Amino acid sequence: MPAIPPHLSYTRDHEWLHDGRVGITAFAADALGDIVYVRLPDLGATVTAGVPCGEIESTKSVSELLAPADGTVVEVNAALAEEPGLVNDDPYERGWLFKLAVTGTPDLLDAAAYTALAG
């Protein structure tokens, strides 16, 4: 399994959150296969933790993207429209999905707990 960045918080559904920035984990990106399309929430949209807010389509399947926290979408990664494979290539940096103004967080996992879950 790829290294799990220690500074991020994780959901049981393989999303990560850090300073409002949201993405999926390398584990999820690897499981999905080659990502060909990403539908992100609209700017200004209100999202709720654990509730679908977008989709990630790969050559294998279409998966719902779940919000890792409650909040309002304040930025989306526009680069993914042209290059959705960034999520596969660099899920923790260039392949981030969107940024939230977080209003509430559920119980998120630290890197050790996520490693135990995904390992």
N, C-alpha and C. Protein backbone atom coordinates (compact mmCIF):
# COMPACT_ATOMS: atom_id res chain seq x y z
N MET A 1 0.85 -1.18 0.00
CA MET A 1 0.00 0.00 0.00
C MET A 1 0.90 1.25 0.00
N PRO A 2 0.51 2.29 -0.76
CA PRO A 2 1.30 3.53 -0.78
C PRO A 2 1.35 4.18 0.60
N ALA A 3 2.36 5.00 0.80
CA ALA A 3 2.51 5.70 2.08
C ALA A 3 1.28 6.56 2.37
N ILE A 4 0.87 6.58 3.61
CA ILE A 4 -0.27 7.38 4.06
C ILE A 4 0.28 8.65 4.70
N PRO A 5 0.05 9.82 4.10
CA PRO A 5 0.57 11.05 4.70
C PRO A 5 0.06 11.24 6.13
N PRO A 6 0.96 11.46 7.08
CA PRO A 6 0.56 11.54 8.48
C PRO A 6 -0.20 12.80 8.86
N HIS A 7 -0.12 13.86 8.07
CA HIS A 7 -0.73 15.14 8.44
C HIS A 7 -2.19 15.28 8.00
N LEU A 8 -2.72 14.28 7.28
CA LEU A 8 -4.09 14.35 6.80
C LEU A 8 -5.03 13.61 7.75
N SER A 9 -6.32 13.95 7.65
CA SER A 9 -7.37 13.20 8.33
C SER A 9 -8.12 12.41 7.27
N TYR A 10 -8.68 11.26 7.65
CA TYR A 10 -9.25 10.32 6.68
C TYR A 10 -10.65 9.89 7.09
N THR A 11 -11.44 9.50 6.07
CA THR A 11 -12.74 8.89 6.33
C THR A 11 -12.62 7.39 6.11
N ARG A 12 -13.59 6.66 6.59
CA ARG A 12 -13.64 5.21 6.35
C ARG A 12 -13.93 4.91 4.88
N ASP A 13 -14.39 5.92 4.13
CA ASP A 13 -14.72 5.76 2.72
C ASP A 13 -13.57 6.19 1.81
N HIS A 14 -12.39 6.41 2.37
CA HIS A 14 -11.15 6.66 1.62
C HIS A 14 -11.04 8.07 1.04
N GLU A 15 -11.68 9.04 1.70
CA GLU A 15 -11.42 10.44 1.37
C GLU A 15 -10.47 11.00 2.42
N TRP A 16 -9.79 12.07 2.06
CA TRP A 16 -8.93 12.76 3.04
C TRP A 16 -9.34 14.23 3.12
N LEU A 17 -8.96 14.85 4.23
CA LEU A 17 -9.26 16.25 4.51
C LEU A 17 -8.05 16.87 5.21
N HIS A 18 -7.68 18.08 4.74
CA HIS A 18 -6.60 18.82 5.40
C HIS A 18 -6.78 20.29 5.09
N ASP A 19 -6.93 21.11 6.11
CA ASP A 19 -7.12 22.55 5.94
C ASP A 19 -8.22 22.86 4.93
N GLY A 20 -9.28 22.07 4.96
CA GLY A 20 -10.42 22.28 4.07
C GLY A 20 -10.27 21.62 2.72
N ARG A 21 -9.06 21.25 2.34
CA ARG A 21 -8.84 20.60 1.04
C ARG A 21 -9.25 19.14 1.13
N VAL A 22 -9.89 18.65 0.06
CA VAL A 22 -10.47 17.31 0.03
C VAL A 22 -9.89 16.52 -1.15
N GLY A 23 -9.67 15.24 -0.92
CA GLY A 23 -9.24 14.35 -2.00
C GLY A 23 -9.59 12.92 -1.66
N ILE A 24 -9.21 12.02 -2.55
CA ILE A 24 -9.34 10.60 -2.24
C ILE A 24 -7.94 10.04 -2.01
N THR A 25 -7.87 8.95 -1.29
CA THR A 25 -6.58 8.37 -0.95
C THR A 25 -5.99 7.60 -2.13
N ALA A 26 -4.70 7.35 -2.04
CA ALA A 26 -4.03 6.54 -3.05
C ALA A 26 -4.65 5.14 -3.10
N PHE A 27 -5.06 4.62 -1.96
CA PHE A 27 -5.72 3.31 -1.91
C PHE A 27 -6.97 3.33 -2.79
N ALA A 28 -7.80 4.38 -2.65
CA ALA A 28 -9.02 4.50 -3.44
C ALA A 28 -8.69 4.69 -4.92
N ALA A 29 -7.73 5.55 -5.21
CA ALA A 29 -7.35 5.81 -6.60
C ALA A 29 -6.85 4.52 -7.26
N ASP A 30 -6.04 3.74 -6.55
CA ASP A 30 -5.54 2.48 -7.09
C ASP A 30 -6.69 1.49 -7.32
N ALA A 31 -7.63 1.43 -6.38
CA ALA A 31 -8.77 0.51 -6.50
C ALA A 31 -9.66 0.88 -7.68
N LEU A 32 -9.80 2.19 -7.93
CA LEU A 32 -10.65 2.63 -9.04
C LEU A 32 -10.04 2.33 -10.39
N GLY A 33 -8.73 2.36 -10.49
CA GLY A 33 -8.08 2.20 -11.78
C GLY A 33 -7.93 3.56 -12.45
N ASP A 34 -7.75 3.58 -13.75
CA ASP A 34 -7.52 4.82 -14.47
C ASP A 34 -8.75 5.72 -14.43
N ILE A 35 -8.60 6.87 -13.79
CA ILE A 35 -9.71 7.81 -13.66
C ILE A 35 -9.81 8.64 -14.94
N VAL A 36 -11.02 8.67 -15.52
CA VAL A 36 -11.23 9.35 -16.80
C VAL A 36 -12.13 10.57 -16.70
N TYR A 37 -12.85 10.73 -15.58
CA TYR A 37 -13.75 11.86 -15.43
C TYR A 37 -14.03 12.08 -13.94
N VAL A 38 -14.10 13.35 -13.54
CA VAL A 38 -14.42 13.69 -12.16
C VAL A 38 -15.51 14.77 -12.19
N ARG A 39 -16.65 14.49 -11.51
CA ARG A 39 -17.70 15.51 -11.36
C ARG A 39 -17.63 16.00 -9.92
N LEU A 40 -17.29 17.28 -9.78
CA LEU A 40 -17.11 17.88 -8.47
C LEU A 40 -18.32 18.73 -8.11
N PRO A 41 -18.51 19.01 -6.82
CA PRO A 41 -19.61 19.89 -6.44
C PRO A 41 -19.37 21.31 -6.97
N ASP A 42 -20.44 22.06 -7.15
CA ASP A 42 -20.34 23.44 -7.64
C ASP A 42 -19.78 24.36 -6.57
N LEU A 43 -19.10 25.41 -7.01
CA LEU A 43 -18.68 26.46 -6.08
C LEU A 43 -19.90 26.99 -5.34
N GLY A 44 -19.77 27.17 -4.05
CA GLY A 44 -20.86 27.68 -3.23
C GLY A 44 -21.82 26.61 -2.75
N ALA A 45 -21.68 25.38 -3.24
CA ALA A 45 -22.56 24.29 -2.80
C ALA A 45 -22.30 23.97 -1.33
N THR A 46 -23.35 23.63 -0.64
CA THR A 46 -23.24 23.16 0.74
C THR A 46 -23.22 21.64 0.71
N VAL A 47 -22.23 21.05 1.37
CA VAL A 47 -22.11 19.60 1.42
C VAL A 47 -22.21 19.12 2.86
N THR A 48 -22.60 17.86 3.01
CA THR A 48 -22.78 17.25 4.32
C THR A 48 -21.91 16.00 4.41
N ALA A 49 -21.22 15.86 5.51
CA ALA A 49 -20.34 14.71 5.72
C ALA A 49 -21.07 13.40 5.45
N GLY A 50 -20.43 12.55 4.65
CA GLY A 50 -20.97 11.23 4.37
C GLY A 50 -22.02 11.19 3.27
N VAL A 51 -22.37 12.33 2.72
CA VAL A 51 -23.40 12.42 1.69
C VAL A 51 -22.72 12.63 0.33
N PRO A 52 -23.18 11.93 -0.72
CA PRO A 52 -22.57 12.10 -2.04
C PRO A 52 -22.62 13.56 -2.50
N CYS A 53 -21.50 14.01 -3.08
CA CYS A 53 -21.42 15.38 -3.58
C CYS A 53 -20.77 15.45 -4.96
N GLY A 54 -20.47 14.30 -5.54
CA GLY A 54 -19.85 14.23 -6.85
C GLY A 54 -19.65 12.79 -7.25
N GLU A 55 -18.95 12.61 -8.38
CA GLU A 55 -18.67 11.26 -8.88
C GLU A 55 -17.25 11.20 -9.43
N ILE A 56 -16.69 10.01 -9.37
CA ILE A 56 -15.41 9.74 -9.99
C ILE A 56 -15.61 8.54 -10.91
N GLU A 57 -15.33 8.74 -12.19
CA GLU A 57 -15.51 7.69 -13.19
C GLU A 57 -14.14 7.17 -13.62
N SER A 58 -14.02 5.86 -13.60
CA SER A 58 -12.78 5.23 -14.05
C SER A 58 -13.11 4.26 -15.18
N THR A 59 -12.08 3.66 -15.70
CA THR A 59 -12.30 2.66 -16.74
C THR A 59 -13.01 1.43 -16.19
N LYS A 60 -13.04 1.28 -14.87
CA LYS A 60 -13.69 0.14 -14.23
C LYS A 60 -15.12 0.42 -13.79
N SER A 61 -15.39 1.64 -13.27
CA SER A 61 -16.69 1.90 -12.65
C SER A 61 -16.90 3.39 -12.42
N VAL A 62 -18.09 3.72 -11.93
CA VAL A 62 -18.40 5.07 -11.47
C VAL A 62 -18.64 4.98 -9.97
N SER A 63 -17.96 5.83 -9.20
CA SER A 63 -18.08 5.81 -7.75
C SER A 63 -18.55 7.17 -7.25
N GLU A 64 -19.39 7.14 -6.23
CA GLU A 64 -19.82 8.39 -5.61
C GLU A 64 -18.67 8.97 -4.80
N LEU A 65 -18.58 10.27 -4.83
CA LEU A 65 -17.64 11.01 -4.00
C LEU A 65 -18.42 11.51 -2.80
N LEU A 66 -17.99 11.12 -1.60
CA LEU A 66 -18.67 11.52 -0.38
C LEU A 66 -17.91 12.67 0.28
N ALA A 67 -18.65 13.63 0.80
CA ALA A 67 -18.03 14.74 1.51
C ALA A 67 -17.45 14.23 2.82
N PRO A 68 -16.21 14.60 3.16
CA PRO A 68 -15.62 14.15 4.42
C PRO A 68 -16.02 15.02 5.61
N ALA A 69 -16.64 16.17 5.34
CA ALA A 69 -17.03 17.10 6.40
C ALA A 69 -18.19 17.95 5.90
N ASP A 70 -18.84 18.64 6.82
CA ASP A 70 -19.87 19.62 6.47
C ASP A 70 -19.19 20.91 6.06
N GLY A 71 -19.75 21.60 5.07
CA GLY A 71 -19.18 22.88 4.70
C GLY A 71 -19.69 23.40 3.38
N THR A 72 -19.07 24.48 2.95
CA THR A 72 -19.39 25.13 1.68
C THR A 72 -18.18 25.04 0.77
N VAL A 73 -18.41 24.67 -0.48
CA VAL A 73 -17.33 24.54 -1.45
C VAL A 73 -16.85 25.93 -1.84
N VAL A 74 -15.55 26.19 -1.60
CA VAL A 74 -14.98 27.50 -1.90
C VAL A 74 -13.98 27.46 -3.06
N GLU A 75 -13.59 26.26 -3.47
CA GLU A 75 -12.65 26.13 -4.59
C GLU A 75 -12.77 24.71 -5.14
N VAL A 76 -12.60 24.57 -6.45
CA VAL A 76 -12.51 23.25 -7.07
C VAL A 76 -11.21 23.19 -7.85
N ASN A 77 -10.69 22.00 -8.01
CA ASN A 77 -9.46 21.80 -8.76
C ASN A 77 -9.80 21.77 -10.24
N ALA A 78 -9.72 22.91 -10.90
CA ALA A 78 -10.10 23.05 -12.31
C ALA A 78 -9.22 22.20 -13.22
N ALA A 79 -8.00 21.89 -12.80
CA ALA A 79 -7.09 21.09 -13.62
C ALA A 79 -7.65 19.70 -13.90
N LEU A 80 -8.54 19.21 -13.04
CA LEU A 80 -9.07 17.86 -13.22
C LEU A 80 -10.01 17.75 -14.41
N ALA A 81 -10.58 18.87 -14.86
CA ALA A 81 -11.45 18.84 -16.03
C ALA A 81 -10.67 18.40 -17.26
N GLU A 82 -9.44 18.85 -17.37
CA GLU A 82 -8.59 18.50 -18.51
C GLU A 82 -7.74 17.25 -18.25
N GLU A 83 -7.42 17.03 -16.99
CA GLU A 83 -6.48 15.95 -16.65
C GLU A 83 -6.95 15.19 -15.40
N PRO A 84 -8.06 14.42 -15.51
CA PRO A 84 -8.57 13.70 -14.34
C PRO A 84 -7.59 12.67 -13.79
N GLY A 85 -6.65 12.21 -14.61
CA GLY A 85 -5.66 11.24 -14.16
C GLY A 85 -4.73 11.76 -13.09
N LEU A 86 -4.75 13.08 -12.83
CA LEU A 86 -3.95 13.62 -11.73
C LEU A 86 -4.33 12.95 -10.41
N VAL A 87 -5.59 12.54 -10.29
CA VAL A 87 -6.03 11.87 -9.06
C VAL A 87 -5.27 10.57 -8.88
N ASN A 88 -5.01 9.85 -9.98
CA ASN A 88 -4.22 8.63 -9.90
C ASN A 88 -2.74 8.93 -9.66
N ASP A 89 -2.22 9.92 -10.39
CA ASP A 89 -0.79 10.20 -10.36
C ASP A 89 -0.32 10.84 -9.06
N ASP A 90 -1.15 11.70 -8.47
CA ASP A 90 -0.72 12.48 -7.30
C ASP A 90 -1.93 12.83 -6.43
N PRO A 91 -2.55 11.81 -5.81
CA PRO A 91 -3.82 12.05 -5.10
C PRO A 91 -3.73 12.98 -3.91
N TYR A 92 -2.54 13.17 -3.35
CA TYR A 92 -2.41 14.00 -2.15
C TYR A 92 -1.94 15.42 -2.44
N GLU A 93 -1.55 15.70 -3.66
CA GLU A 93 -1.07 17.05 -3.99
C GLU A 93 -1.83 17.60 -5.19
N ARG A 94 -1.34 17.37 -6.39
CA ARG A 94 -1.97 17.95 -7.59
C ARG A 94 -3.34 17.36 -7.89
N GLY A 95 -3.65 16.18 -7.38
CA GLY A 95 -4.93 15.52 -7.64
C GLY A 95 -6.00 15.76 -6.59
N TRP A 96 -5.85 16.82 -5.78
CA TRP A 96 -6.89 17.15 -4.80
C TRP A 96 -8.17 17.49 -5.58
N LEU A 97 -9.32 17.44 -4.91
CA LEU A 97 -10.60 17.59 -5.60
C LEU A 97 -11.23 18.96 -5.41
N PHE A 98 -11.50 19.33 -4.16
CA PHE A 98 -12.12 20.63 -3.88
C PHE A 98 -11.74 21.08 -2.48
N LYS A 99 -12.05 22.33 -2.19
CA LYS A 99 -11.75 22.90 -0.88
C LYS A 99 -13.04 23.39 -0.25
N LEU A 100 -13.15 23.12 1.05
CA LEU A 100 -14.33 23.49 1.84
C LEU A 100 -14.01 24.58 2.86
N ALA A 101 -15.01 25.43 3.09
CA ALA A 101 -15.04 26.22 4.32
C ALA A 101 -15.78 25.30 5.28
N VAL A 102 -15.03 24.61 6.12
CA VAL A 102 -15.58 23.54 6.97
C VAL A 102 -16.42 24.14 8.09
N THR A 103 -17.64 23.60 8.24
CA THR A 103 -18.53 24.03 9.32
C THR A 103 -18.72 22.94 10.37
N GLY A 104 -18.34 21.72 10.06
CA GLY A 104 -18.44 20.63 11.02
C GLY A 104 -17.74 19.40 10.50
N THR A 105 -17.06 18.69 11.39
CA THR A 105 -16.37 17.48 10.98
C THR A 105 -16.86 16.31 11.82
N PRO A 106 -17.06 15.20 11.16
CA PRO A 106 -17.42 13.98 11.91
C PRO A 106 -16.16 13.41 12.54
N ASP A 107 -16.28 12.23 13.06
CA ASP A 107 -15.10 11.55 13.60
C ASP A 107 -14.23 11.09 12.44
N LEU A 108 -13.13 11.75 12.23
CA LEU A 108 -12.19 11.38 11.18
C LEU A 108 -11.07 10.54 11.77
N LEU A 109 -10.42 9.79 10.91
CA LEU A 109 -9.33 8.90 11.33
C LEU A 109 -7.99 9.59 11.15
N ASP A 110 -7.05 9.31 12.06
CA ASP A 110 -5.69 9.76 11.83
C ASP A 110 -5.00 8.74 10.92
N ALA A 111 -3.78 9.03 10.54
CA ALA A 111 -3.07 8.17 9.58
C ALA A 111 -2.93 6.73 10.09
N ALA A 112 -2.65 6.56 11.37
CA ALA A 112 -2.48 5.20 11.91
C ALA A 112 -3.78 4.42 11.84
N ALA A 113 -4.88 5.05 12.21
CA ALA A 113 -6.18 4.36 12.17
C ALA A 113 -6.58 4.06 10.73
N TYR A 114 -6.31 4.99 9.81
CA TYR A 114 -6.64 4.74 8.41
C TYR A 114 -5.77 3.61 7.85
N THR A 115 -4.51 3.58 8.19
CA THR A 115 -3.62 2.52 7.74
C THR A 115 -4.14 1.16 8.20
N ALA A 116 -4.59 1.10 9.45
CA ALA A 116 -5.15 -0.15 9.99
C ALA A 116 -6.40 -0.55 9.23
N LEU A 117 -7.22 0.41 8.86
CA LEU A 117 -8.46 0.14 8.12
C LEU A 117 -8.17 -0.33 6.70
N ALA A 118 -7.30 0.39 6.01
CA ALA A 118 -7.05 0.12 4.60
C ALA A 118 -6.04 -1.00 4.37
N GLY A 119 -5.22 -1.24 5.39
CA GLY A 119 -4.13 -2.20 5.24
C GLY A 119 -4.60 -3.58 5.10
